[in-house]
Amino acid sequence: MRALREQIMRIADSDAAVAIVGESGSGKELAARDLHAHSRRGAHPFIAVNCGAIPEALMESEFFGHRRGAFTGAHEERSGFFQAAHNGTLFLDEVAELPPSMQVKLLRALQERSVRKLGGQREEPVDVRIVSATNRDLSDAVRRGEFRQDLYYRLQVIELRMPPLRDRREDIPLLSETILHRLARSRQPELSADATAQLCAYDFPGNVRELENILERALAMAPDQTIEAADLQFEPALQRPASAGAGVRDGHASDALPLHLPAYLRGVEQALLRRALRQARFQRTQAAQLLGISLRQLRYRMQRLSIDEYD
């Protein structure tokens, strides 16, 4: 991440288009805003656009603006994203979702450095820096004919790659502390050592966005200032039926590795909790003692793993 920040600082004052590549939730827009803030355009607008959220019929009007009367409902003249970002940065999120017709119009705007409002007669010069982002492989989309090659080269002058959270687990404790500080307001919560260890061991398919979701839920569930491991609720992994306990027989690991470690550990934990409840004749306090955890931790684990003591 330090190397990524250094790269952002080096390219901040360039006007070259930047493509930010990374998984969903890995912080692509945050990197784009950082790039804009450190550039000479930092005092001017940063306009973020989700290309996948705009209906195709409205795209030209949204990007380039329209004249009054250009279409039904156009009661007044309106500027588009390009005009709004003049002298600043236009951030095109999920750029791979642009339909072919809009790809052509966007390419022309980038080449000519000017746009024409829908229903207008003249070109308006615009000075914007384009930063795009996608969680898809754009080069693969080009090979499949889903994305224009000429637009690809216009957008992909400089590439920034956002590492997934699972590749920088040492950042998780500091990120968690920062997120909790922002979410907690009047409270001053902290993570227990076990909770921190569980977070650092999790793969986070949803990256930082998923970490924030988990911590916000844990903050609501925790009865006191300390968030325990039992307060963390991870998304249940999709797995094949009857696979949860596979991989361990008679206390010895089999040669086959689990297909998905979080799902495997979840299955093992479910099996151990059910076994302890049976041995304790469904007395929760005794079952917790057998497992070496508190009654509160047992209750939360049963809730998180959807365990009914009589199932």
C-alpha atoms as a PDB file:
ATOM      1  CA  MET A   1       0.000   0.000   0.000  1.00  0.00           C
ATOM      2  CA  ARG A   2       2.919   2.348   0.637  1.00  0.00           C
ATOM      3  CA  ALA A   3       4.228   1.579  -2.866  1.00  0.00           C
ATOM      4  CA  LEU A   4       0.754   2.284  -4.257  1.00  0.00           C
ATOM      5  CA  ARG A   5       0.614   5.641  -2.458  1.00  0.00           C
ATOM      6  CA  GLU A   6       4.049   6.539  -3.847  1.00  0.00           C
ATOM      7  CA  GLN A   7       2.838   5.676  -7.334  1.00  0.00           C
ATOM      8  CA  ILE A   8      -0.238   7.885  -6.852  1.00  0.00           C
ATOM      9  CA  MET A   9       1.992  10.792  -5.767  1.00  0.00           C
ATOM     10  CA  ARG A  10       4.258  10.332  -8.815  1.00  0.00           C
ATOM     11  CA  ILE A  11       1.412  10.386 -11.353  1.00  0.00           C
ATOM     12  CA  ALA A  12      -0.882  12.887  -9.591  1.00  0.00           C
ATOM     13  CA  ASP A  13       0.134  15.923 -11.651  1.00  0.00           C
ATOM     14  CA  SER A  14       0.065  14.128 -14.969  1.00  0.00           C
ATOM     15  CA  ASP A  15      -2.984  14.519 -17.194  1.00  0.00           C
ATOM     16  CA  ALA A  16      -2.659  10.946 -18.458  1.00  0.00           C
ATOM     17  CA  ALA A  17      -5.738   8.745 -18.085  1.00  0.00           C
ATOM     18  CA  VAL A  18      -5.536   6.306 -15.181  1.00  0.00           C
ATOM     19  CA  ALA A  19      -7.245   2.924 -14.973  1.00  0.00           C
ATOM     20  CA  ILE A  20      -7.698   1.525 -11.464  1.00  0.00           C
ATOM     21  CA  VAL A  21      -8.132  -2.236 -11.381  1.00  0.00           C
ATOM     22  CA  GLY A  22      -9.223  -4.232  -8.359  1.00  0.00           C
ATOM     23  CA  GLU A  23     -11.871  -6.410  -6.788  1.00  0.00           C
ATOM     24  CA  SER A  24     -15.152  -4.982  -5.560  1.00  0.00           C
ATOM     25  CA  GLY A  25     -14.737  -3.181  -2.232  1.00  0.00           C
ATOM     26  CA  SER A  26     -10.948  -2.875  -2.486  1.00  0.00           C
ATOM     27  CA  GLY A  27     -10.938   0.944  -2.429  1.00  0.00           C
ATOM     28  CA  LYS A  28     -10.789   1.971  -6.098  1.00  0.00           C
ATOM     29  CA  GLU A  29     -12.790   5.176  -5.619  1.00  0.00           C
ATOM     30  CA  LEU A  30     -10.723   6.054  -2.537  1.00  0.00           C
ATOM     31  CA  ALA A  31      -7.567   5.768  -4.674  1.00  0.00           C
ATOM     32  CA  ALA A  32      -9.173   7.931  -7.370  1.00  0.00           C
ATOM     33  CA  ARG A  33     -10.066  10.622  -4.822  1.00  0.00           C
ATOM     34  CA  ASP A  34      -6.529  10.502  -3.401  1.00  0.00           C
ATOM     35  CA  LEU A  35      -5.112  10.895  -6.911  1.00  0.00           C
ATOM     36  CA  HIS A  36      -7.369  13.916  -7.521  1.00  0.00           C
ATOM     37  CA  ALA A  37      -6.613  15.520  -4.131  1.00  0.00           C
ATOM     38  CA  HIS A  38      -2.837  15.468  -4.756  1.00  0.00           C
ATOM     39  CA  SER A  39      -3.094  16.762  -8.327  1.00  0.00           C
ATOM     40  CA  ARG A  40      -3.095  20.357  -9.566  1.00  0.00           C
ATOM     41  CA  ARG A  41      -6.812  19.779 -10.201  1.00  0.00           C
ATOM     42  CA  GLY A  42      -7.477  19.165  -6.502  1.00  0.00           C
ATOM     43  CA  ALA A  43      -9.272  22.486  -5.992  1.00  0.00           C
ATOM     44  CA  HIS A  44     -11.676  21.695  -8.833  1.00  0.00           C
ATOM     45  CA  PRO A  45     -14.586  19.178  -8.969  1.00  0.00           C
ATOM     46  CA  PHE A  46     -14.244  15.434  -8.592  1.00  0.00           C
ATOM     47  CA  ILE A  47     -17.260  13.870 -10.321  1.00  0.00           C
ATOM     48  CA  ALA A  48     -17.858  10.146  -9.691  1.00  0.00           C
ATOM     49  CA  VAL A  49     -20.102   8.250 -12.108  1.00  0.00           C
ATOM     50  CA  ASN A  50     -21.280   4.645 -11.784  1.00  0.00           C
ATOM     51  CA  CYS A  51     -21.508   3.593 -15.430  1.00  0.00           C
ATOM     52  CA  GLY A  52     -23.558   0.516 -14.567  1.00  0.00           C
ATOM     53  CA  ALA A  53     -26.295   2.498 -12.814  1.00  0.00           C
ATOM     54  CA  ILE A  54     -27.375   4.758 -15.700  1.00  0.00           C
ATOM     55  CA  PRO A  55     -30.083   3.557 -18.128  1.00  0.00           C
ATOM     56  CA  GLU A  56     -28.712   3.400 -21.667  1.00  0.00           C
ATOM     57  CA  ALA A  57     -31.423   5.754 -22.983  1.00  0.00           C
ATOM     58  CA  LEU A  58     -30.264   8.493 -20.586  1.00  0.00           C
ATOM     59  CA  MET A  59     -26.503   8.056 -20.914  1.00  0.00           C
ATOM     60  CA  GLU A  60     -25.797  10.657 -23.600  1.00  0.00           C
ATOM     61  CA  SER A  61     -27.819  13.290 -21.756  1.00  0.00           C
ATOM     62  CA  GLU A  62     -26.196  12.435 -18.415  1.00  0.00           C
ATOM     63  CA  PHE A  63     -22.646  12.545 -19.791  1.00  0.00           C
ATOM     64  CA  PHE A  64     -22.884  15.483 -22.190  1.00  0.00           C
ATOM     65  CA  GLY A  65     -25.985  17.411 -21.065  1.00  0.00           C
ATOM     66  CA  HIS A  66     -28.964  18.490 -23.186  1.00  0.00           C
ATOM     67  CA  ARG A  67     -30.656  21.549 -24.623  1.00  0.00           C
ATOM     68  CA  ARG A  68     -34.161  22.582 -23.694  1.00  0.00           C
ATOM     69  CA  GLY A  69     -36.654  20.655 -25.812  1.00  0.00           C
ATOM     70  CA  ALA A  70     -34.092  18.057 -26.919  1.00  0.00           C
ATOM     71  CA  PHE A  71     -36.522  15.314 -25.866  1.00  0.00           C
ATOM     72  CA  THR A  72     -39.802  14.911 -24.048  1.00  0.00           C
ATOM     73  CA  GLY A  73     -39.401  16.178 -20.508  1.00  0.00           C
ATOM     74  CA  ALA A  74     -36.340  18.351 -21.261  1.00  0.00           C
ATOM     75  CA  HIS A  75     -37.913  21.541 -19.921  1.00  0.00           C
ATOM     76  CA  GLU A  76     -34.617  23.318 -19.322  1.00  0.00           C
ATOM     77  CA  GLU A  77     -31.018  23.205 -20.470  1.00  0.00           C
ATOM     78  CA  ARG A  78     -28.781  20.982 -18.391  1.00  0.00           C
ATOM     79  CA  SER A  79     -25.049  20.297 -18.245  1.00  0.00           C
ATOM     80  CA  GLY A  80     -23.638  16.772 -18.068  1.00  0.00           C
ATOM     81  CA  PHE A  81     -20.870  15.032 -16.160  1.00  0.00           C
ATOM     82  CA  PHE A  82     -18.138  16.351 -18.474  1.00  0.00           C
ATOM     83  CA  GLN A  83     -19.146  19.981 -17.992  1.00  0.00           C
ATOM     84  CA  ALA A  84     -19.528  19.460 -14.223  1.00  0.00           C
ATOM     85  CA  ALA A  85     -15.979  18.050 -14.032  1.00  0.00           C
ATOM     86  CA  HIS A  86     -14.411  20.874 -16.090  1.00  0.00           C
ATOM     87  CA  ASN A  87     -10.830  21.521 -14.871  1.00  0.00           C
ATOM     88  CA  GLY A  88     -11.222  18.602 -12.468  1.00  0.00           C
ATOM     89  CA  THR A  89     -11.442  14.816 -12.553  1.00  0.00           C
ATOM     90  CA  LEU A  90     -14.157  12.590 -14.018  1.00  0.00           C
ATOM     91  CA  PHE A  91     -14.163   9.184 -12.319  1.00  0.00           C
ATOM     92  CA  LEU A  92     -15.849   6.473 -14.393  1.00  0.00           C
ATOM     93  CA  ASP A  93     -16.595   3.570 -12.052  1.00  0.00           C
ATOM     94  CA  GLU A  94     -17.558   0.174 -13.545  1.00  0.00           C
ATOM     95  CA  VAL A  95     -16.483   1.462 -16.966  1.00  0.00           C
ATOM     96  CA  ALA A  96     -16.762  -2.049 -18.415  1.00  0.00           C
ATOM     97  CA  GLU A  97     -20.556  -1.728 -18.143  1.00  0.00           C
ATOM     98  CA  LEU A  98     -20.735   1.016 -20.804  1.00  0.00           C
ATOM     99  CA  PRO A  99     -22.851  -0.109 -23.785  1.00  0.00           C
ATOM    100  CA  PRO A 100     -21.166  -0.088 -27.250  1.00  0.00           C
ATOM    101  CA  SER A 101     -23.073   3.004 -28.423  1.00  0.00           C
ATOM    102  CA  MET A 102     -21.813   5.012 -25.441  1.00  0.00           C
ATOM    103  CA  GLN A 103     -18.270   3.708 -25.869  1.00  0.00           C
ATOM    104  CA  VAL A 104     -18.169   5.362 -29.322  1.00  0.00           C
ATOM    105  CA  LYS A 105     -19.426   8.706 -27.973  1.00  0.00           C
ATOM    106  CA  LEU A 106     -17.028   8.625 -25.025  1.00  0.00           C
ATOM    107  CA  LEU A 107     -14.080   7.879 -27.314  1.00  0.00           C
ATOM    108  CA  ARG A 108     -14.951  10.888 -29.482  1.00  0.00           C
ATOM    109  CA  ALA A 109     -15.210  13.165 -26.433  1.00  0.00           C
ATOM    110  CA  LEU A 110     -11.787  12.026 -25.224  1.00  0.00           C
ATOM    111  CA  GLN A 111     -10.189  12.470 -28.641  1.00  0.00           C
ATOM    112  CA  GLU A 112     -11.695  15.887 -29.377  1.00  0.00           C
ATOM    113  CA  ARG A 113     -11.605  17.173 -25.767  1.00  0.00           C
ATOM    114  CA  SER A 114     -15.034  18.623 -26.398  1.00  0.00           C
ATOM    115  CA  VAL A 115     -18.669  17.550 -26.072  1.00  0.00           C
ATOM    116  CA  ARG A 116     -21.940  18.453 -27.742  1.00  0.00           C
ATOM    117  CA  LYS A 117     -25.118  18.624 -25.687  1.00  0.00           C
ATOM    118  CA  LEU A 118     -28.000  16.499 -26.836  1.00  0.00           C
ATOM    119  CA  GLY A 119     -30.014  18.707 -29.212  1.00  0.00           C
ATOM    120  CA  GLY A 120     -27.149  21.215 -29.449  1.00  0.00           C
ATOM    121  CA  GLN A 121     -25.371  22.501 -32.548  1.00  0.00           C
ATOM    122  CA  ARG A 122     -21.900  23.378 -31.275  1.00  0.00           C
ATOM    123  CA  GLU A 123     -19.056  21.653 -29.509  1.00  0.00           C
ATOM    124  CA  GLU A 124     -18.084  22.817 -26.019  1.00  0.00           C
ATOM    125  CA  PRO A 125     -14.421  22.399 -25.016  1.00  0.00           C
ATOM    126  CA  VAL A 126     -13.885  20.537 -21.745  1.00  0.00           C
ATOM    127  CA  ASP A 127     -10.718  19.983 -19.727  1.00  0.00           C
ATOM    128  CA  VAL A 128     -11.055  16.882 -17.582  1.00  0.00           C
ATOM    129  CA  ARG A 129      -8.779  14.126 -16.406  1.00  0.00           C
ATOM    130  CA  ILE A 130     -10.312  10.697 -16.847  1.00  0.00           C
ATOM    131  CA  VAL A 131      -9.855   8.100 -14.124  1.00  0.00           C
ATOM    132  CA  SER A 132     -11.682   4.812 -14.699  1.00  0.00           C
ATOM    133  CA  ALA A 133     -12.180   1.742 -12.553  1.00  0.00           C
ATOM    134  CA  THR A 134     -13.386  -1.791 -13.066  1.00  0.00           C
ATOM    135  CA  ASN A 135     -13.371  -5.139 -11.276  1.00  0.00           C
ATOM    136  CA  ARG A 136     -13.417  -6.957 -14.624  1.00  0.00           C
ATOM    137  CA  ASP A 137     -10.556  -7.813 -16.966  1.00  0.00           C
ATOM    138  CA  LEU A 138     -10.951  -5.148 -19.677  1.00  0.00           C
ATOM    139  CA  SER A 139      -8.379  -6.772 -21.968  1.00  0.00           C
ATOM    140  CA  ASP A 140     -10.462  -9.958 -21.883  1.00  0.00           C
ATOM    141  CA  ALA A 141     -13.587  -7.899 -22.688  1.00  0.00           C
ATOM    142  CA  VAL A 142     -11.693  -6.446 -25.684  1.00  0.00           C
ATOM    143  CA  ARG A 143     -10.799  -9.942 -26.897  1.00  0.00           C
ATOM    144  CA  ARG A 144     -14.453 -10.996 -26.637  1.00  0.00           C
ATOM    145  CA  GLY A 145     -15.548  -7.933 -28.598  1.00  0.00           C
ATOM    146  CA  GLU A 146     -17.456  -6.452 -25.639  1.00  0.00           C
ATOM    147  CA  PHE A 147     -15.235  -3.383 -25.255  1.00  0.00           C
ATOM    148  CA  ARG A 148     -13.652  -1.193 -27.939  1.00  0.00           C
ATOM    149  CA  GLN A 149      -9.908  -1.644 -28.280  1.00  0.00           C
ATOM    150  CA  ASP A 150      -9.308   2.030 -29.153  1.00  0.00           C
ATOM    151  CA  LEU A 151     -11.198   3.170 -26.038  1.00  0.00           C
ATOM    152  CA  TYR A 152      -9.305   0.606 -23.954  1.00  0.00           C
ATOM    153  CA  TYR A 153      -5.977   2.181 -24.974  1.00  0.00           C
ATOM    154  CA  ARG A 154      -7.336   5.675 -24.276  1.00  0.00           C
ATOM    155  CA  LEU A 155      -8.311   4.719 -20.727  1.00  0.00           C
ATOM    156  CA  GLN A 156      -5.427   2.388 -19.886  1.00  0.00           C
ATOM    157  CA  VAL A 157      -2.495   4.815 -20.212  1.00  0.00           C
ATOM    158  CA  ILE A 158      -1.471   4.273 -16.560  1.00  0.00           C
ATOM    159  CA  GLU A 159      -2.727   1.333 -14.514  1.00  0.00           C
ATOM    160  CA  LEU A 160      -3.095   1.209 -10.732  1.00  0.00           C
ATOM    161  CA  ARG A 161      -3.768  -2.185  -9.184  1.00  0.00           C
ATOM    162  CA  MET A 162      -5.579  -2.296  -5.852  1.00  0.00           C
ATOM    163  CA  PRO A 163      -4.486  -5.350  -3.837  1.00  0.00           C
ATOM    164  CA  PRO A 164      -7.284  -7.393  -2.246  1.00  0.00           C
ATOM    165  CA  LEU A 165      -7.503  -7.287   1.544  1.00  0.00           C
ATOM    166  CA  ARG A 166      -6.491 -10.946   1.868  1.00  0.00           C
ATOM    167  CA  ASP A 167      -3.092 -10.036   0.363  1.00  0.00           C
ATOM    168  CA  ARG A 168      -2.439  -7.363   3.014  1.00  0.00           C
ATOM    169  CA  ARG A 169      -3.769  -8.936   6.191  1.00  0.00           C
ATOM    170  CA  GLU A 170      -1.331  -6.938   8.336  1.00  0.00           C
ATOM    171  CA  ASP A 171      -3.469  -3.868   7.507  1.00  0.00           C
ATOM    172  CA  ILE A 172      -6.629  -5.401   8.997  1.00  0.00           C
ATOM    173  CA  PRO A 173      -6.064  -4.372  12.677  1.00  0.00           C
ATOM    174  CA  LEU A 174      -5.383  -0.719  11.762  1.00  0.00           C
ATOM    175  CA  LEU A 175      -8.258  -0.615   9.253  1.00  0.00           C
ATOM    176  CA  SER A 176     -10.579  -2.132  11.866  1.00  0.00           C
ATOM    177  CA  GLU A 177      -9.534   0.450  14.459  1.00  0.00           C
ATOM    178  CA  THR A 178     -10.144   3.289  11.993  1.00  0.00           C
ATOM    179  CA  ILE A 179     -13.551   1.948  10.919  1.00  0.00           C
ATOM    180  CA  LEU A 180     -14.702   1.376  14.502  1.00  0.00           C
ATOM    181  CA  HIS A 181     -13.615   4.874  15.498  1.00  0.00           C
ATOM    182  CA  ARG A 182     -15.725   6.300  12.678  1.00  0.00           C
ATOM    183  CA  LEU A 183     -18.763   4.086  13.363  1.00  0.00           C
ATOM    184  CA  ALA A 184     -18.795   4.232  17.156  1.00  0.00           C
ATOM    185  CA  ARG A 185     -19.169   8.008  17.690  1.00  0.00           C
ATOM    186  CA  SER A 186     -19.612   8.318  21.477  1.00  0.00           C
ATOM    187  CA  ARG A 187     -18.399   4.791  22.296  1.00  0.00           C
ATOM    188  CA  GLN A 188     -14.765   3.691  22.269  1.00  0.00           C
ATOM    189  CA  PRO A 189     -14.959   0.006  21.300  1.00  0.00           C
ATOM    190  CA  GLU A 190     -11.979  -2.256  20.892  1.00  0.00           C
ATOM    191  CA  LEU A 191     -11.404  -5.683  19.373  1.00  0.00           C
ATOM    192  CA  SER A 192     -10.333  -8.573  21.576  1.00  0.00           C
ATOM    193  CA  ALA A 193      -7.240 -10.510  20.562  1.00  0.00           C
ATOM    194  CA  ASP A 194      -9.410 -13.460  19.452  1.00  0.00           C
ATOM    195  CA  ALA A 195     -11.637 -11.200  17.342  1.00  0.00           C
ATOM    196  CA  THR A 196      -8.606  -9.615  15.680  1.00  0.00           C
ATOM    197  CA  ALA A 197      -7.162 -13.064  14.968  1.00  0.00           C
ATOM    198  CA  GLN A 198     -10.421 -14.195  13.362  1.00  0.00           C
ATOM    199  CA  LEU A 199     -10.552 -11.112  11.171  1.00  0.00           C
ATOM    200  CA  CYS A 200      -6.945 -11.590  10.076  1.00  0.00           C
ATOM    201  CA  ALA A 201      -7.639 -15.232   9.184  1.00  0.00           C
ATOM    202  CA  TYR A 202     -10.708 -14.464   7.040  1.00  0.00           C
ATOM    203  CA  ASP A 203     -10.386 -14.073   3.245  1.00  0.00           C
ATOM    204  CA  PHE A 204     -12.773 -11.104   2.813  1.00  0.00           C
ATOM    205  CA  PRO A 205     -14.178 -11.717  -0.684  1.00  0.00           C
ATOM    206  CA  GLY A 206     -15.870  -8.300  -0.333  1.00  0.00           C
ATOM    207  CA  ASN A 207     -12.600  -6.654   0.802  1.00  0.00           C
ATOM    208  CA  VAL A 208     -12.664  -3.457   2.913  1.00  0.00           C
ATOM    209  CA  ARG A 209     -16.374  -2.910   2.253  1.00  0.00           C
ATOM    210  CA  GLU A 210     -17.117  -6.335   3.774  1.00  0.00           C
ATOM    211  CA  LEU A 211     -14.831  -5.611   6.753  1.00  0.00           C
ATOM    212  CA  GLU A 212     -16.808  -2.439   7.415  1.00  0.00           C
ATOM    213  CA  ASN A 213     -20.091  -4.370   7.188  1.00  0.00           C
ATOM    214  CA  ILE A 214     -18.885  -7.045   9.636  1.00  0.00           C
ATOM    215  CA  LEU A 215     -17.626  -4.472  12.145  1.00  0.00           C
ATOM    216  CA  GLU A 216     -20.813  -2.408  11.975  1.00  0.00           C
ATOM    217  CA  ARG A 217     -22.873  -5.537  12.702  1.00  0.00           C
ATOM    218  CA  ALA A 218     -20.509  -6.590  15.516  1.00  0.00           C
ATOM    219  CA  LEU A 219     -20.722  -3.127  17.059  1.00  0.00           C
ATOM    220  CA  ALA A 220     -24.500  -3.442  17.213  1.00  0.00           C
ATOM    221  CA  MET A 221     -24.309  -6.968  18.681  1.00  0.00           C
ATOM    222  CA  ALA A 222     -21.598  -6.438  21.310  1.00  0.00           C
ATOM    223  CA  PRO A 223     -23.084  -5.832  24.779  1.00  0.00           C
ATOM    224  CA  ASP A 224     -20.068  -3.848  26.026  1.00  0.00           C
ATOM    225  CA  GLN A 225     -17.028  -1.934  24.810  1.00  0.00           C
ATOM    226  CA  THR A 226     -15.084  -5.027  23.759  1.00  0.00           C
ATOM    227  CA  ILE A 227     -15.966  -6.848  20.538  1.00  0.00           C
ATOM    228  CA  GLU A 228     -15.336 -10.553  21.014  1.00  0.00           C
ATOM    229  CA  ALA A 229     -14.811 -13.179  18.328  1.00  0.00           C
ATOM    230  CA  ALA A 230     -18.355 -14.417  18.994  1.00  0.00           C
ATOM    231  CA  ASP A 231     -19.720 -11.006  17.988  1.00  0.00           C
ATOM    232  CA  LEU A 232     -18.304 -11.330  14.467  1.00  0.00           C
ATOM    233  CA  GLN A 233     -20.685 -12.748  11.885  1.00  0.00           C
ATOM    234  CA  PHE A 234     -19.124 -13.740   8.595  1.00  0.00           C
ATOM    235  CA  GLU A 235     -21.144 -14.394   5.459  1.00  0.00           C
ATOM    236  CA  PRO A 236     -22.030 -18.111   5.186  1.00  0.00           C
ATOM    237  CA  ALA A 237     -20.026 -19.694   2.379  1.00  0.00           C
ATOM    238  CA  LEU A 238     -21.729 -21.648  -0.375  1.00  0.00           C
ATOM    239  CA  GLN A 239     -20.740 -25.282  -0.086  1.00  0.00           C
ATOM    240  CA  ARG A 240     -21.790 -28.692  -1.283  1.00  0.00           C
ATOM    241  CA  PRO A 241     -24.139 -30.643   1.009  1.00  0.00           C
ATOM    242  CA  ALA A 242     -22.460 -32.845   3.594  1.00  0.00           C
ATOM    243  CA  SER A 243     -19.051 -31.306   2.874  1.00  0.00           C
ATOM    244  CA  ALA A 244     -18.780 -29.306   6.079  1.00  0.00           C
ATOM    245  CA  GLY A 245     -17.256 -32.067   8.162  1.00  0.00           C
ATOM    246  CA  ALA A 246     -15.174 -33.601   5.402  1.00  0.00           C
ATOM    247  CA  GLY A 247     -11.429 -33.618   5.809  1.00  0.00           C
ATOM    248  CA  VAL A 248     -11.118 -34.859   9.431  1.00  0.00           C
ATOM    249  CA  ARG A 249     -11.704 -38.436  10.511  1.00  0.00           C
ATOM    250  CA  ASP A 250     -11.122 -39.834  14.010  1.00  0.00           C
ATOM    251  CA  GLY A 251      -9.138 -36.749  14.989  1.00  0.00           C
ATOM    252  CA  HIS A 252      -6.716 -37.134  12.088  1.00  0.00           C
ATOM    253  CA  ALA A 253      -6.628 -34.897   9.017  1.00  0.00           C
ATOM    254  CA  SER A 254      -7.248 -36.632   5.697  1.00  0.00           C
ATOM    255  CA  ASP A 255      -4.926 -36.017   2.751  1.00  0.00           C
ATOM    256  CA  ALA A 256      -7.550 -33.924   0.927  1.00  0.00           C
ATOM    257  CA  LEU A 257      -7.501 -30.241   1.679  1.00  0.00           C
ATOM    258  CA  PRO A 258     -10.833 -28.452   2.223  1.00  0.00           C
ATOM    259  CA  LEU A 259     -12.219 -26.709  -0.859  1.00  0.00           C
ATOM    260  CA  HIS A 260     -12.899 -23.535   1.125  1.00  0.00           C
ATOM    261  CA  LEU A 261     -11.209 -23.030   4.488  1.00  0.00           C
ATOM    262  CA  PRO A 262     -13.804 -20.653   6.052  1.00  0.00           C
ATOM    263  CA  ALA A 263     -16.627 -23.050   5.153  1.00  0.00           C
ATOM    264  CA  TYR A 264     -14.637 -26.007   6.500  1.00  0.00           C
ATOM    265  CA  LEU A 265     -13.877 -24.242   9.809  1.00  0.00           C
ATOM    266  CA  ARG A 266     -17.518 -23.203  10.098  1.00  0.00           C
ATOM    267  CA  GLY A 267     -18.557 -26.863   9.705  1.00  0.00           C
ATOM    268  CA  VAL A 268     -16.035 -28.011  12.320  1.00  0.00           C
ATOM    269  CA  GLU A 269     -17.241 -25.335  14.771  1.00  0.00           C
ATOM    270  CA  GLN A 270     -20.882 -26.340  14.227  1.00  0.00           C
ATOM    271  CA  ALA A 271     -20.038 -29.996  14.856  1.00  0.00           C
ATOM    272  CA  LEU A 272     -18.099 -29.228  18.077  1.00  0.00           C
ATOM    273  CA  LEU A 273     -20.848 -26.998  19.477  1.00  0.00           C
ATOM    274  CA  ARG A 274     -23.520 -29.618  18.803  1.00  0.00           C
ATOM    275  CA  ARG A 275     -21.335 -32.312  20.379  1.00  0.00           C
ATOM    276  CA  ALA A 276     -20.775 -30.219  23.525  1.00  0.00           C
ATOM    277  CA  LEU A 277     -24.506 -29.471  23.807  1.00  0.00           C
ATOM    278  CA  ARG A 278     -25.326 -33.175  23.574  1.00  0.00           C
ATOM    279  CA  GLN A 279     -22.722 -34.103  26.204  1.00  0.00           C
ATOM    280  CA  ALA A 280     -24.056 -31.387  28.527  1.00  0.00           C
ATOM    281  CA  ARG A 281     -27.654 -32.587  27.979  1.00  0.00           C
ATOM    282  CA  PHE A 282     -28.372 -29.206  26.380  1.00  0.00           C
ATOM    283  CA  GLN A 283     -27.384 -27.245  29.492  1.00  0.00           C
ATOM    284  CA  ARG A 284     -25.780 -24.200  27.887  1.00  0.00           C
ATOM    285  CA  THR A 285     -23.674 -23.190  30.895  1.00  0.00           C
ATOM    286  CA  GLN A 286     -22.120 -26.664  31.121  1.00  0.00           C
ATOM    287  CA  ALA A 287     -21.599 -26.844  27.344  1.00  0.00           C
ATOM    288  CA  ALA A 288     -19.747 -23.521  27.464  1.00  0.00           C
ATOM    289  CA  GLN A 289     -17.508 -24.865  30.239  1.00  0.00           C
ATOM    290  CA  LEU A 290     -16.737 -27.960  28.160  1.00  0.00           C
ATOM    291  CA  LEU A 291     -15.628 -25.732  25.304  1.00  0.00           C
ATOM    292  CA  GLY A 292     -13.685 -23.298  27.484  1.00  0.00           C
ATOM    293  CA  ILE A 293     -15.763 -20.274  26.463  1.00  0.00           C
ATOM    294  CA  SER A 294     -18.222 -18.009  28.242  1.00  0.00           C
ATOM    295  CA  LEU A 295     -21.979 -18.523  28.137  1.00  0.00           C
ATOM    296  CA  ARG A 296     -22.312 -15.280  26.182  1.00  0.00           C
ATOM    297  CA  GLN A 297     -19.813 -16.522  23.587  1.00  0.00           C
ATOM    298  CA  LEU A 298     -21.707 -19.800  23.286  1.00  0.00           C
ATOM    299  CA  ARG A 299     -24.997 -17.995  22.702  1.00  0.00           C
ATOM    300  CA  TYR A 300     -23.518 -15.777  20.004  1.00  0.00           C
ATOM    301  CA  ARG A 301     -21.798 -18.695  18.289  1.00  0.00           C
ATOM    302  CA  MET A 302     -25.057 -20.660  18.258  1.00  0.00           C
ATOM    303  CA  GLN A 303     -26.830 -17.651  16.776  1.00  0.00           C
ATOM    304  CA  ARG A 304     -24.117 -17.028  14.175  1.00  0.00           C
ATOM    305  CA  LEU A 305     -24.010 -20.676  13.118  1.00  0.00           C
ATOM    306  CA  SER A 306     -27.838 -21.095  13.194  1.00  0.00           C
ATOM    307  CA  ILE A 307     -27.665 -23.874  15.799  1.00  0.00           C
ATOM    308  CA  ASP A 308     -30.820 -24.850  17.660  1.00  0.00           C
ATOM    309  CA  GLU A 309     -30.007 -26.848  20.789  1.00  0.00           C
ATOM    310  CA  TYR A 310     -32.721 -29.403  19.966  1.00  0.00           C
ATOM    311  CA  ASP A 311     -31.936 -29.944  16.279  1.00  0.00           C
END
